[in-house]
Every structure is written in structure tokens, then in C-alpha cells.
């Protein structure tokens, strides 16, 4: 076997692997939890400076207005202009990245 044929075989193998991975990601249809958290933090800047955040890595069922969603649940803490720190819980759609709820945690 020549080096040329070997290189073509390696290139084809890599291309097929990348294509299969891309297709698997599309069929799964979910955002990664990290991407979902990044989206929420980007949309929550109006709350103040984001000091901390967390997200569950496994999607769960969430019902809102009699509709079921697969969501990631998480939370953020933000410091407002007066220096007061507040905690919020969020639910973000695992497929679309839409924030379905952002609730301030009780005093």
C-alpha cells in the first residue's frame, strides 16, 4: 500500500467520524448544559453582576401552562447596583434554549 492511499484512507475515516458525530448531535436535539447556562447568564445581565451559577447536567421534565418541556434547571446569584446579592432559579428549554422561568429565591 502506498502512502498516498494510506493518507486518503485516514482522511476518509476522519471525515466519516466527524459527520457521524455531527449527525448524532442533531438527532439528539438538545443543547449542552454548558451552552444553556451561558445563554441564561447572557440574558440575565440586567439583574446585576453575575457572581455565581450552577446547572443540573441532566434534563428533567417541567410543566408550564399544561405543556411539558425537557429543561435544564439551574441557578445564578447576582449583585445589583446597591451591592445586594440575590439568588435566582431558572428553567431553560433543553432543545431551544428558551428561558421558561427565572424566579427570585425567597427572603
C-alpha atoms as a PDB file:
ATOM      1  CA  UNK A   1       0.000   0.000   0.000  1.00  0.00           C
ATOM      2  CA  UNK A   2       1.321   3.420  -0.884  1.00  0.00           C
ATOM      3  CA  UNK A   3       1.446   6.400   1.453  1.00  0.00           C
ATOM      4  CA  UNK A   4      -0.997   8.211  -0.789  1.00  0.00           C
ATOM      5  CA  UNK A   5      -3.667   5.513  -0.398  1.00  0.00           C
ATOM      6  CA  UNK A   6      -2.991   5.360   3.355  1.00  0.00           C
ATOM      7  CA  UNK A   7      -3.454   9.136   3.715  1.00  0.00           C
ATOM      8  CA  UNK A   8      -6.682   9.034   1.704  1.00  0.00           C
ATOM      9  CA  UNK A   9      -7.980   6.248   3.956  1.00  0.00           C
ATOM     10  CA  UNK A  10      -7.149   8.191   7.123  1.00  0.00           C
ATOM     11  CA  UNK A  11      -8.804  11.341   5.726  1.00  0.00           C
ATOM     12  CA  UNK A  12     -11.955   9.421   4.783  1.00  0.00           C
ATOM     13  CA  UNK A  13     -12.109   7.841   8.238  1.00  0.00           C
ATOM     14  CA  UNK A  14     -11.819  11.195   9.970  1.00  0.00           C
ATOM     15  CA  UNK A  15     -14.467  12.721   7.695  1.00  0.00           C
ATOM     16  CA  UNK A  16     -16.930   9.883   8.344  1.00  0.00           C
ATOM     17  CA  UNK A  17     -16.335  10.098  12.110  1.00  0.00           C
ATOM     18  CA  UNK A  18     -16.950  13.863  12.176  1.00  0.00           C
ATOM     19  CA  UNK A  19     -20.046  13.514  10.006  1.00  0.00           C
ATOM     20  CA  UNK A  20     -21.453  10.783  12.261  1.00  0.00           C
ATOM     21  CA  UNK A  21     -20.805  12.862  15.397  1.00  0.00           C
ATOM     22  CA  UNK A  22     -22.475  15.897  13.841  1.00  0.00           C
ATOM     23  CA  UNK A  23     -25.498  13.815  12.841  1.00  0.00           C
ATOM     24  CA  UNK A  24     -25.750  12.304  16.339  1.00  0.00           C
ATOM     25  CA  UNK A  25     -25.711  15.773  17.892  1.00  0.00           C
ATOM     26  CA  UNK A  26     -28.519  16.904  15.579  1.00  0.00           C
ATOM     27  CA  UNK A  27     -30.710  13.881  16.264  1.00  0.00           C
ATOM     28  CA  UNK A  28     -30.292  14.277  19.989  1.00  0.00           C
ATOM     29  CA  UNK A  29     -31.716  17.779  19.579  1.00  0.00           C
ATOM     30  CA  UNK A  30     -30.511  19.156  22.888  1.00  0.00           C
ATOM     31  CA  UNK A  31     -28.240  21.988  23.831  1.00  0.00           C
ATOM     32  CA  UNK A  32     -25.396  21.107  26.108  1.00  0.00           C
ATOM     33  CA  UNK A  33     -25.988  22.172  29.722  1.00  0.00           C
ATOM     34  CA  UNK A  34     -22.939  24.436  29.474  1.00  0.00           C
ATOM     35  CA  UNK A  35     -24.367  26.219  26.425  1.00  0.00           C
ATOM     36  CA  UNK A  36     -27.753  26.604  28.170  1.00  0.00           C
ATOM     37  CA  UNK A  37     -26.071  28.144  31.224  1.00  0.00           C
ATOM     38  CA  UNK A  38     -24.098  30.539  29.031  1.00  0.00           C
ATOM     39  CA  UNK A  39     -27.349  31.650  27.331  1.00  0.00           C
ATOM     40  CA  UNK A  40     -29.047  32.305  30.685  1.00  0.00           C
ATOM     41  CA  UNK A  41     -26.096  34.258  32.036  1.00  0.00           C
ATOM     42  CA  UNK A  42     -26.054  36.361  28.874  1.00  0.00           C
ATOM     43  CA  UNK A  43     -29.750  37.193  29.201  1.00  0.00           C
ATOM     44  CA  UNK A  44     -29.586  37.868  32.961  1.00  0.00           C
ATOM     45  CA  UNK A  45     -27.091  40.725  32.878  1.00  0.00           C
ATOM     46  CA  UNK A  46     -29.894  43.177  33.703  1.00  0.00           C
ATOM     47  CA  UNK A  47     -30.027  41.632  37.194  1.00  0.00           C
ATOM     48  CA  UNK A  48     -26.542  42.894  38.009  1.00  0.00           C
ATOM     49  CA  UNK A  49     -23.101  41.345  38.109  1.00  0.00           C
ATOM     50  CA  UNK A  50     -23.311  37.555  37.934  1.00  0.00           C
ATOM     51  CA  UNK A  51     -21.314  36.230  40.894  1.00  0.00           C
ATOM     52  CA  UNK A  52     -22.028  32.515  40.644  1.00  0.00           C
ATOM     53  CA  UNK A  53     -24.002  29.955  38.684  1.00  0.00           C
ATOM     54  CA  UNK A  54     -24.857  26.260  38.539  1.00  0.00           C
ATOM     55  CA  UNK A  55     -26.860  23.912  36.322  1.00  0.00           C
ATOM     56  CA  UNK A  56     -28.079  20.325  36.539  1.00  0.00           C
ATOM     57  CA  UNK A  57     -26.383  18.277  33.849  1.00  0.00           C
ATOM     58  CA  UNK A  58     -29.416  16.029  33.219  1.00  0.00           C
ATOM     59  CA  UNK A  59     -32.570  17.411  31.610  1.00  0.00           C
ATOM     60  CA  UNK A  60     -35.800  16.972  33.555  1.00  0.00           C
ATOM     61  CA  UNK A  61     -39.496  17.387  32.860  1.00  0.00           C
ATOM     62  CA  UNK A  62     -41.068  20.781  33.542  1.00  0.00           C
ATOM     63  CA  UNK A  63     -44.737  21.664  33.143  1.00  0.00           C
ATOM     64  CA  UNK A  64     -45.871  25.175  32.363  1.00  0.00           C
ATOM     65  CA  UNK A  65     -49.349  26.151  31.183  1.00  0.00           C
ATOM     66  CA  UNK A  66     -50.246  22.461  30.766  1.00  0.00           C
ATOM     67  CA  UNK A  67     -47.311  21.927  28.396  1.00  0.00           C
ATOM     68  CA  UNK A  68     -44.406  19.586  29.140  1.00  0.00           C
ATOM     69  CA  UNK A  69     -40.826  20.572  28.385  1.00  0.00           C
ATOM     70  CA  UNK A  70     -37.444  18.914  28.785  1.00  0.00           C
ATOM     71  CA  UNK A  71     -35.442  21.519  30.687  1.00  0.00           C
ATOM     72  CA  UNK A  72     -32.201  22.161  32.446  1.00  0.00           C
ATOM     73  CA  UNK A  73     -32.666  23.594  35.937  1.00  0.00           C
ATOM     74  CA  UNK A  74     -30.084  25.848  37.464  1.00  0.00           C
ATOM     75  CA  UNK A  75     -29.419  28.983  39.389  1.00  0.00           C
ATOM     76  CA  UNK A  76     -27.460  32.193  39.389  1.00  0.00           C
ATOM     77  CA  UNK A  77     -26.514  34.737  42.006  1.00  0.00           C
ATOM     78  CA  UNK A  78     -26.208  38.375  41.045  1.00  0.00           C
ATOM     79  CA  UNK A  79     -25.153  41.529  42.851  1.00  0.00           C
ATOM     80  CA  UNK A  80     -27.215  44.600  41.995  1.00  0.00           C
ATOM     81  CA  UNK A  81     -26.043  48.224  41.881  1.00  0.00           C
ATOM     82  CA  UNK A  82     -26.658  48.703  45.608  1.00  0.00           C
ATOM     83  CA  UNK A  83     -24.431  45.719  46.444  1.00  0.00           C
ATOM     84  CA  UNK A  84     -27.288  43.407  47.433  1.00  0.00           C
ATOM     85  CA  UNK A  85     -26.816  39.804  46.361  1.00  0.00           C
ATOM     86  CA  UNK A  86     -29.877  37.923  45.098  1.00  0.00           C
ATOM     87  CA  UNK A  87     -30.335  34.288  44.085  1.00  0.00           C
ATOM     88  CA  UNK A  88     -32.459  33.152  41.130  1.00  0.00           C
ATOM     89  CA  UNK A  89     -33.575  29.747  39.910  1.00  0.00           C
ATOM     90  CA  UNK A  90     -34.133  29.190  36.197  1.00  0.00           C
ATOM     91  CA  UNK A  91     -35.593  26.612  33.837  1.00  0.00           C
ATOM     92  CA  UNK A  92     -34.307  26.645  30.273  1.00  0.00           C
ATOM     93  CA  UNK A  93     -35.691  24.531  27.418  1.00  0.00           C
ATOM     94  CA  UNK A  94     -33.102  21.870  26.591  1.00  0.00           C
ATOM     95  CA  UNK A  95     -33.967  21.955  22.874  1.00  0.00           C
ATOM     96  CA  UNK A  96     -34.331  25.626  22.047  1.00  0.00           C
ATOM     97  CA  UNK A  97     -32.513  27.441  24.857  1.00  0.00           C
ATOM     98  CA  UNK A  98     -35.621  29.464  25.678  1.00  0.00           C
ATOM     99  CA  UNK A  99     -35.739  30.583  29.302  1.00  0.00           C
ATOM    100  CA  UNK A 100     -39.120  29.342  30.540  1.00  0.00           C
ATOM    101  CA  UNK A 101     -38.846  30.683  34.089  1.00  0.00           C
ATOM    102  CA  UNK A 102     -36.500  32.876  36.134  1.00  0.00           C
ATOM    103  CA  UNK A 103     -37.609  33.046  39.759  1.00  0.00           C
ATOM    104  CA  UNK A 104     -36.091  35.123  42.526  1.00  0.00           C
ATOM    105  CA  UNK A 105     -35.496  32.966  45.569  1.00  0.00           C
ATOM    106  CA  UNK A 106     -37.366  33.889  48.757  1.00  0.00           C
ATOM    107  CA  UNK A 107     -36.091  36.023  51.598  1.00  0.00           C
END
